[in-house]
């Protein structure tokens, strides 16, 4: 896959009837020529990473989104089953197991509940260690 790479700065975010409109500023020396040539309305797959003052990547902790993605992942479901946290492999069972592990009733509680965040982070660390050890 050919990817365009450039640094930009977020200057505005607004919402219209179709979704959010992100406005960024790209330095003239940074903008890829291909981006200038593409038609308005062209679609892009975008991956962004925030840059810290020391030029390193700033990690994001969107636990709600991460929890949703994990529960849809078969590998995570197998890990839960292997750890006797669910009886059958399914997204619904994984969601229920996550709720029990984190002592929550909804993933949105991962936003402000420090105890649930700690339990979730521990669970993710355990799962990541298991993934590294499993030859998938």
N, C-alpha and C. Protein backbone atom coordinates (compact mmCIF):
# COMPACT_ATOMS: atom_id res chain seq x y z
N UNK A 1 0.84 -1.17 0.00
CA UNK A 1 0.00 0.00 0.00
C UNK A 1 0.89 1.23 0.00
N UNK A 2 0.60 2.15 -0.89
CA UNK A 2 1.29 3.42 -0.92
C UNK A 2 0.56 4.39 -0.01
N UNK A 3 1.27 4.97 0.92
CA UNK A 3 0.65 5.90 1.86
C UNK A 3 1.31 7.26 1.75
N UNK A 4 0.51 8.29 1.84
CA UNK A 4 1.01 9.65 1.88
C UNK A 4 1.37 9.95 3.32
N UNK A 5 2.52 10.54 3.54
CA UNK A 5 2.92 10.89 4.90
C UNK A 5 3.22 12.38 4.95
N UNK A 6 2.70 13.02 5.97
CA UNK A 6 2.97 14.44 6.18
C UNK A 6 2.59 14.78 7.60
N UNK A 7 3.14 15.89 8.07
CA UNK A 7 2.77 16.38 9.39
C UNK A 7 1.77 17.49 9.20
N UNK A 8 0.79 17.55 10.09
CA UNK A 8 -0.21 18.61 10.00
C UNK A 8 -0.58 19.05 11.41
N UNK A 9 -1.34 20.14 11.49
CA UNK A 9 -1.78 20.66 12.77
C UNK A 9 -3.29 20.85 12.71
N UNK A 10 -3.99 20.34 13.72
CA UNK A 10 -5.45 20.50 13.80
C UNK A 10 -5.75 21.96 14.13
N UNK A 11 -6.63 22.57 13.33
CA UNK A 11 -6.99 23.96 13.58
C UNK A 11 -8.48 24.14 13.85
N UNK A 12 -9.30 23.17 13.46
CA UNK A 12 -10.74 23.31 13.71
C UNK A 12 -11.41 21.95 13.62
N UNK A 13 -12.51 21.84 14.34
CA UNK A 13 -13.36 20.66 14.27
C UNK A 13 -14.79 21.15 14.42
N UNK A 14 -15.61 20.84 13.44
CA UNK A 14 -17.01 21.22 13.51
C UNK A 14 -17.86 20.05 13.04
N UNK A 15 -19.15 20.18 13.21
CA UNK A 15 -20.06 19.12 12.82
C UNK A 15 -21.09 19.67 11.86
N UNK A 16 -21.37 18.89 10.81
CA UNK A 16 -22.48 19.24 9.93
C UNK A 16 -23.42 18.05 9.87
N UNK A 17 -24.41 18.07 8.99
CA UNK A 17 -25.42 17.02 8.97
C UNK A 17 -24.87 15.67 8.54
N UNK A 18 -23.70 15.63 7.92
CA UNK A 18 -23.14 14.35 7.45
C UNK A 18 -22.07 13.80 8.38
N UNK A 19 -21.61 14.58 9.34
CA UNK A 19 -20.58 14.09 10.25
C UNK A 19 -19.69 15.22 10.74
N UNK A 20 -18.47 14.89 11.11
CA UNK A 20 -17.53 15.87 11.60
C UNK A 20 -16.63 16.34 10.47
N UNK A 21 -16.24 17.60 10.54
CA UNK A 21 -15.35 18.20 9.55
C UNK A 21 -14.08 18.59 10.29
N UNK A 22 -12.99 17.91 9.98
CA UNK A 22 -11.70 18.18 10.59
C UNK A 22 -10.90 19.07 9.65
N UNK A 23 -10.43 20.19 10.16
CA UNK A 23 -9.60 21.09 9.36
C UNK A 23 -8.18 21.03 9.90
N UNK A 24 -7.25 20.78 9.00
CA UNK A 24 -5.84 20.73 9.38
C UNK A 24 -5.05 21.70 8.51
N UNK A 25 -3.90 22.11 9.03
CA UNK A 25 -2.98 22.95 8.27
C UNK A 25 -1.75 22.12 7.98
N UNK A 26 -1.35 22.12 6.72
CA UNK A 26 -0.16 21.39 6.29
C UNK A 26 0.84 22.42 5.76
N UNK A 27 2.05 22.38 6.26
CA UNK A 27 3.10 23.29 5.78
C UNK A 27 3.33 23.03 4.29
N UNK A 28 3.57 24.09 3.50
CA UNK A 28 3.77 23.91 2.05
C UNK A 28 4.89 22.91 1.70
N UNK A 29 5.90 22.81 2.56
CA UNK A 29 6.99 21.86 2.29
C UNK A 29 6.59 20.42 2.62
N UNK A 30 5.50 20.24 3.37
CA UNK A 30 5.08 18.92 3.83
C UNK A 30 4.01 18.28 2.95
N UNK A 31 3.23 19.07 2.24
CA UNK A 31 2.07 18.53 1.54
C UNK A 31 2.48 17.69 0.34
N UNK A 32 2.03 16.45 0.28
CA UNK A 32 2.35 15.59 -0.86
C UNK A 32 1.67 16.11 -2.14
N UNK A 33 2.39 16.08 -3.23
CA UNK A 33 1.85 16.55 -4.50
C UNK A 33 0.61 15.77 -4.90
N UNK A 34 0.59 14.46 -4.60
CA UNK A 34 -0.56 13.63 -4.95
C UNK A 34 -1.84 14.14 -4.28
N UNK A 35 -1.70 14.62 -3.05
CA UNK A 35 -2.86 15.14 -2.33
C UNK A 35 -3.40 16.40 -3.02
N UNK A 36 -2.51 17.21 -3.53
CA UNK A 36 -2.93 18.41 -4.25
C UNK A 36 -3.65 18.07 -5.54
N UNK A 37 -3.25 16.99 -6.18
CA UNK A 37 -3.83 16.61 -7.47
C UNK A 37 -5.15 15.85 -7.36
N UNK A 38 -5.40 15.22 -6.20
CA UNK A 38 -6.64 14.45 -6.04
C UNK A 38 -7.85 15.38 -6.05
N UNK A 39 -8.96 14.85 -6.55
CA UNK A 39 -10.19 15.63 -6.63
C UNK A 39 -10.78 15.85 -5.24
N UNK A 40 -11.48 16.96 -5.06
CA UNK A 40 -12.25 17.19 -3.85
C UNK A 40 -13.32 16.10 -3.80
N UNK A 41 -13.46 15.48 -2.67
CA UNK A 41 -14.41 14.37 -2.53
C UNK A 41 -13.72 13.02 -2.59
N UNK A 42 -12.41 12.99 -2.89
CA UNK A 42 -11.67 11.72 -2.89
C UNK A 42 -11.70 11.13 -1.49
N UNK A 43 -11.77 9.81 -1.42
CA UNK A 43 -11.81 9.12 -0.13
C UNK A 43 -10.41 8.69 0.27
N UNK A 44 -10.14 8.70 1.58
CA UNK A 44 -8.83 8.31 2.11
C UNK A 44 -9.03 7.44 3.34
N UNK A 45 -8.15 6.49 3.54
CA UNK A 45 -8.04 5.80 4.82
C UNK A 45 -7.00 6.57 5.61
N UNK A 46 -7.31 6.95 6.82
CA UNK A 46 -6.42 7.84 7.56
C UNK A 46 -5.97 7.17 8.85
N UNK A 47 -4.69 7.26 9.12
CA UNK A 47 -4.13 6.86 10.42
C UNK A 47 -3.36 8.06 10.94
N UNK A 48 -3.65 8.47 12.16
CA UNK A 48 -2.99 9.65 12.71
C UNK A 48 -2.40 9.30 14.06
N UNK A 49 -1.29 9.93 14.36
CA UNK A 49 -0.68 9.78 15.67
C UNK A 49 -0.31 11.18 16.15
N UNK A 50 -0.64 11.47 17.38
CA UNK A 50 -0.29 12.78 17.94
C UNK A 50 1.20 12.78 18.26
N UNK A 51 1.85 13.91 18.02
CA UNK A 51 3.29 14.03 18.22
C UNK A 51 3.55 14.86 19.47
N UNK A 52 4.34 14.31 20.39
CA UNK A 52 4.71 15.02 21.61
C UNK A 52 5.84 16.01 21.31
N UNK A 53 6.15 16.85 22.30
CA UNK A 53 7.22 17.84 22.12
C UNK A 53 8.56 17.21 21.79
N UNK A 54 8.78 15.97 22.26
CA UNK A 54 10.05 15.28 21.99
C UNK A 54 10.00 14.46 20.70
N UNK A 55 8.97 14.69 19.87
CA UNK A 55 8.78 14.03 18.58
C UNK A 55 8.32 12.57 18.70
N UNK A 56 8.03 12.10 19.91
CA UNK A 56 7.54 10.73 20.08
C UNK A 56 6.01 10.71 19.92
N UNK A 57 5.48 9.51 19.70
CA UNK A 57 4.04 9.35 19.55
C UNK A 57 3.36 9.39 20.91
N UNK A 58 2.22 10.06 20.98
CA UNK A 58 1.43 10.12 22.21
C UNK A 58 0.38 9.02 22.14
N UNK A 59 0.41 8.05 23.07
CA UNK A 59 -0.60 6.98 23.02
C UNK A 59 -1.97 7.48 23.46
N UNK A 60 -3.02 6.97 22.82
CA UNK A 60 -4.39 7.30 23.20
C UNK A 60 -4.95 6.16 24.02
N UNK A 61 -5.79 6.48 24.98
CA UNK A 61 -6.41 5.48 25.84
C UNK A 61 -7.92 5.56 25.70
N UNK A 62 -8.44 5.25 24.55
CA UNK A 62 -9.90 5.21 24.37
C UNK A 62 -10.35 3.80 24.73
N UNK A 63 -10.55 3.58 26.00
CA UNK A 63 -10.88 2.24 26.49
C UNK A 63 -12.24 1.76 25.99
N UNK A 64 -13.18 2.68 25.80
CA UNK A 64 -14.51 2.28 25.34
C UNK A 64 -14.41 1.66 23.95
N UNK A 65 -13.71 2.34 23.05
CA UNK A 65 -13.54 1.82 21.69
C UNK A 65 -12.70 0.54 21.71
N UNK A 66 -11.64 0.53 22.50
CA UNK A 66 -10.78 -0.65 22.61
C UNK A 66 -11.56 -1.86 23.12
N UNK A 67 -12.42 -1.64 24.10
CA UNK A 67 -13.24 -2.73 24.65
C UNK A 67 -14.17 -3.28 23.58
N UNK A 68 -14.76 -2.41 22.80
CA UNK A 68 -15.65 -2.86 21.72
C UNK A 68 -14.92 -3.68 20.69
N UNK A 69 -13.73 -3.22 20.30
CA UNK A 69 -12.94 -3.95 19.31
C UNK A 69 -12.49 -5.29 19.86
N UNK A 70 -12.07 -5.32 21.11
CA UNK A 70 -11.62 -6.58 21.71
C UNK A 70 -12.74 -7.61 21.74
N UNK A 71 -13.92 -7.20 22.15
CA UNK A 71 -15.03 -8.14 22.28
C UNK A 71 -15.45 -8.73 20.94
N UNK A 72 -15.18 -8.03 19.85
CA UNK A 72 -15.50 -8.56 18.51
C UNK A 72 -14.40 -9.48 17.98
N UNK A 73 -13.25 -9.51 18.64
CA UNK A 73 -12.11 -10.29 18.17
C UNK A 73 -12.19 -11.73 18.66
N UNK A 74 -12.14 -12.67 17.71
CA UNK A 74 -12.19 -14.11 18.06
C UNK A 74 -11.06 -14.49 19.01
N UNK A 75 -9.89 -13.96 18.76
CA UNK A 75 -8.73 -14.29 19.59
C UNK A 75 -8.98 -13.90 21.05
N UNK A 76 -9.56 -12.73 21.27
CA UNK A 76 -9.88 -12.29 22.62
C UNK A 76 -10.94 -13.20 23.24
N UNK A 77 -11.91 -13.60 22.44
CA UNK A 77 -12.96 -14.50 22.92
C UNK A 77 -12.34 -15.85 23.32
N UNK A 78 -11.38 -16.36 22.54
CA UNK A 78 -10.70 -17.61 22.90
C UNK A 78 -9.93 -17.45 24.21
N UNK A 79 -9.29 -16.29 24.37
CA UNK A 79 -8.55 -16.04 25.61
C UNK A 79 -9.50 -16.06 26.80
N UNK A 80 -10.65 -15.42 26.67
CA UNK A 80 -11.64 -15.42 27.75
C UNK A 80 -12.10 -16.84 28.06
N UNK A 81 -12.35 -17.63 27.01
CA UNK A 81 -12.79 -19.02 27.21
C UNK A 81 -11.70 -19.85 27.88
N UNK A 82 -10.48 -19.66 27.41
CA UNK A 82 -9.35 -20.39 28.00
C UNK A 82 -9.18 -20.06 29.48
N UNK A 83 -9.53 -18.84 29.85
CA UNK A 83 -9.44 -18.41 31.25
C UNK A 83 -10.74 -18.63 32.01
N UNK A 84 -11.64 -19.41 31.39
CA UNK A 84 -12.91 -19.79 32.01
C UNK A 84 -13.77 -18.58 32.38
N UNK A 85 -13.71 -17.55 31.52
CA UNK A 85 -14.50 -16.35 31.75
C UNK A 85 -15.75 -16.31 30.88
N UNK A 86 -15.86 -17.27 29.97
CA UNK A 86 -17.09 -17.42 29.20
C UNK A 86 -17.23 -18.88 28.79
N UNK A 87 -18.48 -19.26 28.51
CA UNK A 87 -18.76 -20.65 28.18
C UNK A 87 -18.69 -20.93 26.69
N UNK A 88 -19.19 -20.01 25.89
CA UNK A 88 -19.14 -20.23 24.44
C UNK A 88 -18.58 -18.98 23.76
N UNK A 89 -17.94 -19.20 22.64
CA UNK A 89 -17.30 -18.13 21.88
C UNK A 89 -18.37 -17.29 21.18
N UNK A 90 -18.51 -16.03 21.61
CA UNK A 90 -19.41 -15.10 20.93
C UNK A 90 -19.11 -13.69 21.43
N UNK A 91 -19.50 -12.73 20.62
CA UNK A 91 -19.29 -11.34 21.01
C UNK A 91 -20.11 -10.99 22.25
N UNK A 92 -21.36 -11.44 22.28
CA UNK A 92 -22.22 -11.15 23.43
C UNK A 92 -21.65 -11.72 24.73
N UNK A 93 -21.16 -12.95 24.65
CA UNK A 93 -20.55 -13.57 25.84
C UNK A 93 -19.30 -12.79 26.27
N UNK A 94 -18.50 -12.34 25.29
CA UNK A 94 -17.30 -11.57 25.60
C UNK A 94 -17.66 -10.25 26.28
N UNK A 95 -18.71 -9.60 25.80
CA UNK A 95 -19.16 -8.34 26.41
C UNK A 95 -19.56 -8.58 27.86
N UNK A 96 -20.34 -9.64 28.09
CA UNK A 96 -20.76 -9.95 29.47
C UNK A 96 -19.57 -10.26 30.36
N UNK A 97 -18.58 -10.98 29.84
CA UNK A 97 -17.38 -11.29 30.61
C UNK A 97 -16.61 -10.01 30.94
N UNK A 98 -16.53 -9.11 29.98
CA UNK A 98 -15.86 -7.82 30.20
C UNK A 98 -16.56 -7.05 31.31
N UNK A 99 -17.89 -7.02 31.28
CA UNK A 99 -18.65 -6.32 32.31
C UNK A 99 -18.37 -6.90 33.69
N UNK A 100 -18.32 -8.23 33.78
CA UNK A 100 -18.04 -8.88 35.06
C UNK A 100 -16.63 -8.57 35.54
N UNK A 101 -15.65 -8.69 34.62
CA UNK A 101 -14.26 -8.43 34.99
C UNK A 101 -14.04 -7.01 35.50
N UNK A 102 -14.68 -6.06 34.84
CA UNK A 102 -14.46 -4.65 35.17
C UNK A 102 -15.50 -4.10 36.16
N UNK A 103 -16.48 -4.94 36.53
CA UNK A 103 -17.56 -4.57 37.44
C UNK A 103 -18.27 -3.30 36.92
N UNK A 104 -18.77 -3.43 35.68
CA UNK A 104 -19.49 -2.33 35.04
C UNK A 104 -20.76 -2.88 34.38
N UNK A 105 -21.65 -1.98 34.02
CA UNK A 105 -22.88 -2.36 33.32
C UNK A 105 -22.87 -1.90 31.87
N UNK A 106 -21.90 -1.05 31.52
CA UNK A 106 -21.81 -0.50 30.18
C UNK A 106 -20.35 -0.13 29.90
N UNK A 107 -19.93 -0.26 28.65
CA UNK A 107 -18.56 0.12 28.30
C UNK A 107 -18.30 1.59 28.56
N UNK A 108 -19.31 2.44 28.46
CA UNK A 108 -19.09 3.88 28.68
C UNK A 108 -18.61 4.18 30.09
N UNK A 109 -18.84 3.27 31.02
CA UNK A 109 -18.33 3.46 32.38
C UNK A 109 -16.81 3.45 32.42
N UNK A 110 -16.18 2.93 31.37
CA UNK A 110 -14.71 2.94 31.31
C UNK A 110 -14.17 4.36 31.14
N UNK A 111 -15.03 5.32 30.80
CA UNK A 111 -14.60 6.70 30.64
C UNK A 111 -14.22 7.37 31.95
N UNK A 112 -15.01 7.17 33.00
CA UNK A 112 -14.77 7.92 34.22
C UNK A 112 -14.56 7.10 35.47
N UNK A 113 -14.69 5.79 35.40
CA UNK A 113 -14.59 4.91 36.56
C UNK A 113 -13.14 4.42 36.68
N UNK A 114 -12.40 5.00 37.62
CA UNK A 114 -10.97 4.69 37.76
C UNK A 114 -10.74 3.22 38.10
N UNK A 115 -11.58 2.64 38.96
CA UNK A 115 -11.44 1.22 39.32
C UNK A 115 -11.64 0.34 38.09
N UNK A 116 -12.66 0.65 37.29
CA UNK A 116 -12.94 -0.12 36.08
C UNK A 116 -11.80 0.03 35.07
N UNK A 117 -11.25 1.24 34.97
CA UNK A 117 -10.12 1.47 34.05
C UNK A 117 -8.92 0.63 34.45
N UNK A 118 -8.65 0.57 35.75
CA UNK A 118 -7.51 -0.21 36.25
C UNK A 118 -7.72 -1.70 35.95
N UNK A 119 -8.91 -2.20 36.20
CA UNK A 119 -9.22 -3.61 35.93
C UNK A 119 -9.13 -3.90 34.43
N UNK A 120 -9.64 -2.97 33.63
CA UNK A 120 -9.59 -3.15 32.18
C UNK A 120 -8.14 -3.18 31.69
N UNK A 121 -7.31 -2.24 32.16
CA UNK A 121 -5.91 -2.19 31.75
C UNK A 121 -5.16 -3.46 32.16
N UNK A 122 -5.44 -3.97 33.35
CA UNK A 122 -4.83 -5.23 33.81
C UNK A 122 -5.25 -6.38 32.90
N UNK A 123 -6.54 -6.42 32.56
CA UNK A 123 -7.05 -7.47 31.68
C UNK A 123 -6.37 -7.40 30.32
N UNK A 124 -6.25 -6.20 29.76
CA UNK A 124 -5.60 -6.02 28.46
C UNK A 124 -4.14 -6.45 28.52
N UNK A 125 -3.46 -6.12 29.60
CA UNK A 125 -2.06 -6.54 29.76
C UNK A 125 -1.94 -8.06 29.82
N UNK A 126 -2.84 -8.70 30.56
CA UNK A 126 -2.84 -10.17 30.63
C UNK A 126 -3.09 -10.78 29.25
N UNK A 127 -4.07 -10.22 28.55
CA UNK A 127 -4.39 -10.69 27.20
C UNK A 127 -3.20 -10.49 26.26
N UNK A 128 -2.55 -9.33 26.33
CA UNK A 128 -1.38 -9.07 25.46
C UNK A 128 -0.24 -10.05 25.74
N UNK A 129 -0.02 -10.35 27.02
CA UNK A 129 1.03 -11.34 27.37
C UNK A 129 0.67 -12.71 26.79
N UNK A 130 -0.59 -13.09 26.89
CA UNK A 130 -1.06 -14.37 26.35
C UNK A 130 -0.87 -14.41 24.83
N UNK A 131 -1.21 -13.30 24.17
CA UNK A 131 -1.07 -13.23 22.69
C UNK A 131 0.38 -13.43 22.27
N UNK A 132 1.30 -12.85 23.01
CA UNK A 132 2.72 -12.98 22.65
C UNK A 132 3.20 -14.42 22.81
N UNK A 133 2.60 -15.12 23.78
CA UNK A 133 3.02 -16.50 24.05
C UNK A 133 2.34 -17.50 23.13
N UNK A 134 1.16 -17.15 22.59
CA UNK A 134 0.39 -18.06 21.72
C UNK A 134 0.88 -17.99 20.29
N UNK A 135 1.13 -19.14 19.68
CA UNK A 135 1.57 -19.16 18.27
C UNK A 135 0.37 -19.16 17.32
N UNK A 136 -0.24 -17.99 17.11
CA UNK A 136 -1.39 -17.91 16.18
C UNK A 136 -0.92 -17.68 14.79
